[in-house]
Amino acid sequence: MRVTQNTTANLVTNNLQTIRKRTEDLQQQASTGYKVSTASDDPVTAQQILHMKSLMTAGDQYARNISNGIAWLTMSEGAMSELGNVITRAKELAVAMSSETNNANSRAAAVNEFKELKAQIITLGNTQLNGRYIFGGFKNDTPPFDASGNFNGTDDAIMVEVDRGSSVQMNYSGGQLIRGTGGGTDIISSLDNIINALGADNTSGVQAELSTLDNALGQVLATRTDLGARMSHFNAANNIVNDMKLSLTKITSDKQDIDLMQVISDLSKQQTAYQAAVAASAKVSQVSLLDYLR
């Protein structure tokens, strides 16, 4: 089959256009640092990159949730630790005041200290983190405990999502922890009973609250144990999210980021090929009718 000059010219032109297009693509990659800048560059890879970026965005949100949860529990742990110390001191003082040998002055001094301990518990119950009361449940924009120790918050659980379909409760109800709502020990009432018993010189009344204070301390310790388990859950979730984000970042980089040295090398080759093609096209264009008559 005879190859005409027109056919040859078309082949050369197509070759030039292919080389130029590849050169432009490489220049685009070198300037942006990306293999895929638009969906039209590689629709399948572009879709995969978008999906992985959406997963990383979700991972960032999970990481923020976990960080907030850990901060909330850390603040709660500190308050509960101090609450345990206050109850321990209340128990020590109650044991000392359960003897009938105490006089009016010692009872009056004890009443003042018990009132101070009660005030400390109320203050701990109104612990804040970033302007939010951690023991207030859903009603965490105002103090959950008033000056008398009445609980005005809610017992609702505040759940945070740490992974797709997995949530962890980050709060504890001040009503349950301090006032014993739901069948627990009412620490405030116990202190009030001791204060009233001392005011009435009722030693047996003080003695009756010793077991209640033991229960109160056990209530706080049990809550702290549960808090430790939740903290472990948050930490484990944090490790998973960080590993996931690291893997997704690497995969996305492999699919999207260029090897700059390789691109520069390919670009140099394409420019050489383009120059050779241009030279070839110039020779083709010089062919005349006399060349065919020879």
Protein backbone atom coordinates (compact mmCIF):
# COMPACT_ATOMS: atom_id res chain seq x y z
CA MET A 1 0.00 0.00 0.00
CA ARG A 2 1.36 3.38 -1.01
CA VAL A 3 1.74 5.95 1.76
CA THR A 4 0.90 9.39 0.45
CA GLN A 5 2.55 12.61 1.52
CA ASN A 6 -0.71 13.72 3.14
CA THR A 7 -0.88 10.59 5.23
CA THR A 8 2.70 11.07 6.35
CA ALA A 9 2.02 14.69 7.23
CA ASN A 10 -1.03 13.68 9.29
CA LEU A 11 0.99 11.09 11.17
CA VAL A 12 3.67 13.62 11.98
CA THR A 13 1.09 16.18 13.08
CA ASN A 14 -0.68 13.67 15.33
CA ASN A 15 2.63 12.68 16.82
CA LEU A 16 3.46 16.32 17.54
CA GLN A 17 0.09 16.88 19.20
CA THR A 18 0.51 13.75 21.35
CA ILE A 19 3.96 14.81 22.47
CA ARG A 20 2.81 18.37 23.15
CA LYS A 21 -0.17 17.13 25.20
CA ARG A 22 2.08 14.88 27.26
CA THR A 23 4.53 17.74 27.72
CA GLU A 24 1.75 20.05 28.92
CA ASP A 25 0.56 17.37 31.36
CA LEU A 26 4.06 17.00 32.77
CA GLN A 27 4.46 20.77 33.07
CA GLN A 28 1.14 20.91 34.93
CA GLN A 29 2.30 18.16 37.30
CA ALA A 30 5.62 19.89 37.90
CA SER A 31 3.92 23.20 38.73
CA THR A 32 1.20 21.76 41.02
CA GLY A 33 3.01 18.77 42.48
CA TYR A 34 -0.02 16.57 41.74
CA LYS A 35 -0.53 13.71 39.31
CA VAL A 36 -4.25 14.44 39.26
CA SER A 37 -5.34 18.09 39.36
CA THR A 38 -8.84 17.71 37.93
CA ALA A 39 -11.27 14.84 37.58
CA SER A 40 -10.71 14.82 33.82
CA ASP A 41 -7.04 13.90 34.35
CA ASP A 42 -7.99 10.47 35.74
CA PRO A 43 -11.66 10.09 36.76
CA VAL A 44 -11.17 6.83 38.68
CA THR A 45 -8.16 8.02 40.67
CA ALA A 46 -9.78 11.41 41.28
CA GLN A 47 -12.83 9.67 42.78
CA GLN A 48 -10.61 7.53 44.99
CA ILE A 49 -8.72 10.60 46.21
CA LEU A 50 -11.97 12.43 47.02
CA HIS A 51 -13.22 9.40 48.96
CA MET A 52 -10.02 9.14 50.99
CA LYS A 53 -10.08 12.87 51.71
CA SER A 54 -13.65 12.54 52.99
CA LEU A 55 -12.48 9.72 55.28
CA MET A 56 -9.63 11.93 56.54
CA THR A 57 -12.09 14.76 57.19
CA ALA A 58 -14.24 12.37 59.22
CA GLY A 59 -11.09 11.21 61.02
CA ASP A 60 -10.26 14.80 61.94
CA GLN A 61 -13.72 15.17 63.47
CA TYR A 62 -13.34 11.92 65.40
CA ALA A 63 -9.97 13.15 66.67
CA ARG A 64 -11.55 16.38 67.89
CA ASN A 65 -14.34 14.44 69.59
CA ILE A 66 -11.83 12.16 71.28
CA SER A 67 -9.71 15.11 72.41
CA ASN A 68 -12.78 16.77 73.93
CA GLY A 69 -13.80 13.53 75.62
CA ILE A 70 -10.34 12.98 77.11
CA ALA A 71 -10.21 16.58 78.36
CA TRP A 72 -13.69 16.23 79.90
CA LEU A 73 -12.82 12.96 81.65
CA THR A 74 -9.47 14.31 82.84
CA MET A 75 -11.22 17.25 84.47
CA SER A 76 -13.84 14.90 85.94
CA GLU A 77 -11.13 12.64 87.35
CA GLY A 78 -9.46 15.57 89.07
CA ALA A 79 -12.75 16.68 90.64
CA MET A 80 -13.60 13.12 91.75
CA SER A 81 -10.16 12.65 93.28
CA GLU A 82 -10.61 15.79 95.36
CA LEU A 83 -14.19 14.73 96.19
CA GLY A 84 -12.78 11.49 97.57
CA ASN A 85 -10.37 13.48 99.75
CA VAL A 86 -13.22 15.62 101.09
CA ILE A 87 -15.31 12.55 101.97
CA THR A 88 -12.30 10.91 103.63
CA ARG A 89 -11.82 13.99 105.79
CA ALA A 90 -15.56 14.05 106.58
CA LYS A 91 -15.35 10.43 107.71
CA GLU A 92 -12.31 11.14 109.92
CA LEU A 93 -14.05 14.10 111.50
CA ALA A 94 -17.30 12.18 111.95
CA VAL A 95 -15.45 9.35 113.72
CA ALA A 96 -13.80 11.87 116.02
CA MET A 97 -17.15 13.55 116.78
CA SER A 98 -19.00 10.27 117.39
CA SER A 99 -17.63 10.18 120.92
CA GLU A 100 -19.74 11.63 123.72
CA THR A 101 -16.63 13.15 125.30
CA ASN A 102 -16.69 16.14 122.88
CA ASN A 103 -17.72 19.44 124.40
CA ALA A 104 -19.81 22.21 122.92
CA ASN A 105 -16.81 24.11 121.57
CA SER A 106 -15.40 21.10 119.71
CA ARG A 107 -18.85 20.33 118.29
CA ALA A 108 -19.25 23.92 117.09
CA ALA A 109 -15.81 23.82 115.44
CA ALA A 110 -16.74 20.53 113.80
CA VAL A 111 -20.00 21.99 112.49
CA ASN A 112 -18.05 24.82 110.85
CA GLU A 113 -15.66 22.35 109.23
CA PHE A 114 -18.50 20.15 107.97
CA LYS A 115 -20.13 23.21 106.44
CA GLU A 116 -16.84 24.01 104.74
CA LEU A 117 -16.57 20.44 103.46
CA LYS A 118 -20.10 20.68 102.10
CA ALA A 119 -19.20 23.94 100.33
CA GLN A 120 -16.14 22.25 98.82
CA ILE A 121 -18.29 19.43 97.46
CA ILE A 122 -20.70 21.94 95.90
CA THR A 123 -17.76 23.76 94.32
CA LEU A 124 -16.44 20.49 92.92
CA GLY A 125 -19.90 19.69 91.60
CA ASN A 126 -19.79 23.00 89.71
CA THR A 127 -16.44 22.27 88.04
CA GLN A 128 -16.16 23.88 84.60
CA LEU A 129 -14.27 23.12 81.41
CA ASN A 130 -14.20 25.85 78.77
CA GLY A 131 -17.24 27.50 80.33
CA ARG A 132 -19.29 24.28 80.51
CA TYR A 133 -20.23 22.58 83.78
CA ILE A 134 -19.01 19.01 83.44
CA PHE A 135 -21.47 17.48 85.92
CA GLY A 136 -24.57 19.31 84.62
CA GLY A 137 -25.63 16.87 81.90
CA PHE A 138 -27.38 18.60 79.01
CA LYS A 139 -27.91 21.67 81.17
CA ASN A 140 -24.24 22.56 81.34
CA ASP A 141 -24.35 26.30 80.72
CA THR A 142 -25.36 27.12 84.31
CA PRO A 143 -24.10 25.79 87.68
CA PRO A 144 -25.79 22.44 88.37
CA PHE A 145 -25.63 22.92 92.15
CA ASP A 146 -26.98 25.88 94.11
CA ALA A 147 -25.57 27.14 97.40
CA SER A 148 -27.60 24.59 99.37
CA GLY A 149 -26.40 21.68 97.25
CA ASN A 150 -29.62 21.15 95.31
CA PHE A 151 -28.97 19.63 91.88
CA ASN A 152 -30.47 21.58 88.97
CA GLY A 153 -28.74 19.79 86.08
CA THR A 154 -29.83 16.68 84.21
CA ASP A 155 -28.78 13.03 84.38
CA ASP A 156 -28.52 12.74 80.58
CA ALA A 157 -25.55 11.03 78.97
CA ILE A 158 -23.44 13.14 76.60
CA MET A 159 -22.21 10.78 73.89
CA VAL A 160 -19.39 11.53 71.48
CA GLU A 161 -18.72 9.59 68.29
CA VAL A 162 -15.17 8.21 68.21
CA ASP A 163 -15.56 6.15 65.04
CA ARG A 164 -18.27 5.29 62.57
CA GLY A 165 -21.06 3.69 64.61
CA SER A 166 -19.07 3.84 67.87
CA SER A 167 -19.80 6.37 70.64
CA VAL A 168 -18.53 6.83 74.21
CA GLN A 169 -20.18 8.70 77.08
CA MET A 170 -17.89 11.47 78.25
CA ASN A 171 -19.82 12.85 81.23
CA TYR A 172 -21.04 11.84 84.67
CA SER A 173 -24.16 13.19 86.29
CA GLY A 174 -23.57 15.35 89.33
CA GLY A 175 -26.98 14.27 90.57
CA GLN A 176 -25.94 10.63 90.60
CA LEU A 177 -22.40 11.23 91.84
CA ILE A 178 -23.14 13.67 94.65
CA ARG A 179 -26.88 13.51 95.37
CA GLY A 180 -27.31 9.79 94.71
CA THR A 181 -30.16 10.12 92.22
CA GLY A 182 -31.15 6.74 90.80
CA GLY A 183 -30.60 4.83 94.04
CA GLY A 184 -27.11 5.97 95.09
CA THR A 185 -25.77 7.67 98.20
CA ASP A 186 -26.72 11.29 98.85
CA ILE A 187 -23.47 12.83 100.10
CA ILE A 188 -24.92 16.29 100.69
CA SER A 189 -27.78 14.93 102.82
CA SER A 190 -25.33 12.89 104.86
CA LEU A 191 -23.29 15.97 105.70
CA ASP A 192 -26.48 17.91 106.50
CA ASN A 193 -27.54 15.12 108.87
CA ILE A 194 -24.18 15.24 110.64
CA ILE A 195 -24.32 19.03 110.96
CA ASN A 196 -27.83 18.84 112.44
CA ALA A 197 -26.86 15.99 114.78
CA LEU A 198 -23.86 17.92 116.11
CA GLY A 199 -26.00 21.00 116.61
CA ALA A 200 -28.41 18.94 118.67
CA ASP A 201 -25.60 17.13 120.57
CA ASN A 202 -26.89 13.89 119.02
CA THR A 203 -23.89 11.57 119.02
CA SER A 204 -25.88 8.58 117.78
CA GLY A 205 -27.02 10.67 114.82
CA VAL A 206 -23.38 11.27 113.90
CA GLN A 207 -22.57 7.58 114.33
CA ALA A 208 -25.46 6.63 112.02
CA GLU A 209 -23.85 8.51 109.15
CA LEU A 210 -20.50 6.72 109.32
CA SER A 211 -21.66 3.85 107.09
CA THR A 212 -23.24 6.36 104.72
CA LEU A 213 -19.90 8.11 104.32
CA ASP A 214 -18.28 4.74 103.62
CA ASN A 215 -20.88 4.16 100.91
CA ALA A 216 -20.26 7.67 99.56
CA LEU A 217 -16.54 7.00 99.26
CA GLY A 218 -17.25 3.67 97.56
CA GLN A 219 -19.60 5.45 95.16
CA VAL A 220 -16.88 7.89 94.14
CA LEU A 221 -14.27 5.14 93.78
CA ALA A 222 -16.60 3.03 91.62
CA THR A 223 -17.25 6.02 89.39
CA ARG A 224 -13.54 6.67 89.05
CA THR A 225 -13.00 3.02 88.08
CA ASP A 226 -15.63 3.36 85.36
CA LEU A 227 -14.00 6.61 84.26
CA GLY A 228 -10.70 4.79 83.84
CA ALA A 229 -12.36 2.27 81.53
CA ARG A 230 -13.86 5.06 79.44
CA MET A 231 -10.51 6.81 79.27
CA SER A 232 -8.94 3.61 77.97
CA HIS A 233 -11.66 3.43 75.31
CA PHE A 234 -10.93 7.00 74.24
CA ASN A 235 -7.18 6.36 74.11
CA ALA A 236 -7.63 3.19 72.06
CA ALA A 237 -9.96 5.02 69.67
CA ASN A 238 -7.43 7.83 69.40
CA ASN A 239 -4.70 5.37 68.37
CA ILE A 240 -6.98 3.82 65.75
CA VAL A 241 -7.94 7.20 64.30
CA ASN A 242 -4.31 8.35 64.16
CA ASP A 243 -3.23 5.12 62.44
CA MET A 244 -6.11 5.43 59.97
CA LYS A 245 -5.26 9.04 59.14
CA LEU A 246 -1.60 8.13 58.66
CA SER A 247 -2.49 5.28 56.29
CA LEU A 248 -4.95 7.39 54.32
CA THR A 249 -2.44 10.22 54.04
CA LYS A 250 0.17 7.84 52.61
CA ILE A 251 -2.26 6.22 50.16
CA THR A 252 -3.55 9.61 49.02
CA SER A 253 0.00 10.88 48.59
CA ASP A 254 0.91 7.81 46.51
CA LYS A 255 -2.06 8.40 44.24
CA GLN A 256 -1.87 12.18 44.04
CA ASP A 257 1.66 13.43 44.64
CA ILE A 258 4.29 13.29 41.92
CA ASP A 259 7.88 12.09 42.00
CA LEU A 260 9.37 15.44 41.06
CA MET A 261 12.68 14.05 39.83
CA GLN A 262 10.89 11.52 37.63
CA VAL A 263 8.59 14.20 36.23
CA ILE A 264 11.53 16.46 35.41
CA SER A 265 13.28 13.55 33.69
CA ASP A 266 10.15 12.65 31.69
CA LEU A 267 9.64 16.29 30.77
CA SER A 268 13.18 16.52 29.43
CA LYS A 269 12.60 13.39 27.32
CA GLN A 270 9.33 14.74 25.96
CA GLN A 271 10.95 18.05 25.03
CA THR A 272 13.70 16.15 23.19
CA ALA A 273 11.10 14.01 21.43
CA TYR A 274 9.14 17.11 20.49
CA GLN A 275 12.19 18.77 18.96
CA ALA A 276 12.94 15.59 16.99
CA ALA A 277 9.35 15.42 15.75
CA VAL A 278 9.46 19.06 14.69
CA ALA A 279 12.65 18.41 12.75
CA ALA A 280 11.04 15.37 11.09
CA SER A 281 7.97 17.35 10.12
CA ALA A 282 10.20 20.00 8.53
CA LYS A 283 11.81 17.36 6.31
CA VAL A 284 8.40 15.98 5.32
CA SER A 285 7.18 19.45 4.36
CA GLN A 286 10.19 19.87 2.03
CA VAL A 287 9.14 16.92 -0.19
CA SER A 288 8.05 18.24 -3.64
CA LEU A 289 6.50 16.84 -6.87
CA LEU A 290 10.02 16.39 -8.35
CA ASP A 291 10.82 13.96 -5.48
CA TYR A 292 7.99 11.74 -6.69
CA LEU A 293 9.05 12.00 -10.40
CA ARG A 294 12.58 10.77 -9.78
